[in-house]
Amino acid sequence: MDTSLANRLAARDLAVVWHPCTQMHDHETLPMLPVARADRAWLHGHDGRRYLDAVSSWWTCLLGHRHPRIVAALKDQLDRLDHVMLAGFTHEPAIELAEELVRITPAGLERVFYADNGSSAIEVALKLSFHYWRNVGRGERTRFIALTGGYHGETLGALSVTDVALYRETYAPLLLEPLFAPSPDAYEALPGEGAAGCARRRLGELRALLERHARETCAVIVEPLVQCAGGMRMHHPDYLTGLRLLCDEFDLHLIADEIAVGFGRTGSLFACEQAAIAPDFLCLSKGLTGGTLPLSAVLTTRRIYEAFYAEYSAGKAFLHSHSYTGNPLACRAALATLQVLRDEPVLERNRALAAHLAARLAPLADHPNVADVRQAGMIAAIELVQDRRTRAPFPASERRGLRVYRHGLDRGAVLRPLGNVVYFMPPYCITPDEIDFMVEVAAEGIDLAIT
């Protein structure tokens, strides 16, 4: 243990590093946590303590930290090829990864466009959809429909289809103006309606919106099954089934943002599978490389690809690029991640772990300050409120979730909340005993947060 080194690193960090989505003033009282190393589900601090990574380091470390097969693949690739631009050049990892993604994703997705991160993948999908309609002579289609409460990233295009008030109010003059359809969030179901009934009602409201605006709309964008950064809001698969039918009826694209929910998070390899649908664009990132390197991919159909295929002078080429598009190291890490998912019974184990997590969370449903305990596979969330009967929320200024986070760090667990929603999205290598510890710490933190 070297507490003095940890303190020195924290002080150096605060002198020069500006952290994402962070009010830096908080760290005058909330200690920065310098991490020395990581393995499986645990982060090890320079202070000699270890911390259970209950949120997979922002949902990226799918299989746990430093998975041996991914580490070995990266070491091997580094001895072969570090990087080459993916414009007029190619390499085996990019080709093999694209082939594997086409094989495992819903039928009809045949082309893969690489980018660097989740927000960039959303930018690619939005631009592809808009540009497709332009190429086929439907240039009047310039708008997008997104769901209330949704989150798709923080670059300007992705932020334009995000409905998080803090972001939209701050950057409003810079954003596109999408149309927002009511979310099918099951938490908003009417008495006696249930999740499926809520989905049907929201589909009716979406239909009414499309009847007015379909002619000017490029695509509908959705986070299948779970609106993650918006508070882990969950909806019934029937909504996705109905959404696909509506997009077909009104001749719109469907963009599925599976950046956070893909690769087994919701119980199936891809969330869209639970509704038996295929989107026109599938956006992937985060867990794609097992949390080792930044990479994202957008899969789309032959029909969309062919609308861009023409003589250069026709001006139909897609105009988007990144310096590190299809980086060989990142592609090799992604291939190793997918090989683990293919070779090992990961989803089967996840189902058992999810059942164990559900059993441990069940008693919290009766807590006087818990309005909802919800779960989709390896994602679970607890909604903190002033009174479970009225669902009256705590004022945001009280930051009750932050109190849970502080308690978690004191006890050795990373439980970074979303406002007053305490959630779990652990790596798949977590054990039942570690789940018990994770829930125990959260329950303690909730009790402390409301007193």
Foldseek 3Di string as FASTA:
>chain_A
DCVVVQVVVQVVCLVDPDDPPDDSVVCVPFGDFAFDAFWFQWTATPVRFIFGAQCLVVQFQFAGPPDPLLVVLLVVVVVPDFFDFPDVDDDDLLVVLLVVCQVPAAPQFRDKWKDFAQLVLQVQVLLLLQLLCVLVPLNLADAEEEEALAARDDDQARVQRHHDVVNCVVCVVSHDHHHYQYDLQQLPADVPQGQLSSLVVSLVRVLVVCVVPLSRHREYEYAFQFRPLSQRGGGDLVNVLSRVVSCVVSVHFYEYECQNPACQQQLDNGSNVNNPDDGQKYKYWRHLLSNDGTMIMITHGPVSVVSQDDPVVVVSHRDDGDRCTPGSSSSSSSVSSVVCSVPDVLSVLQVVLQVLLCVLCVVVCPPQQWQDWDGRRQKIKTAGALGNVVRHHDPLVLQLVVQLQSQSVVVRYHQRGSRRMTMGRTHSSDDSVNSNVVSVSSVVSNVVSND
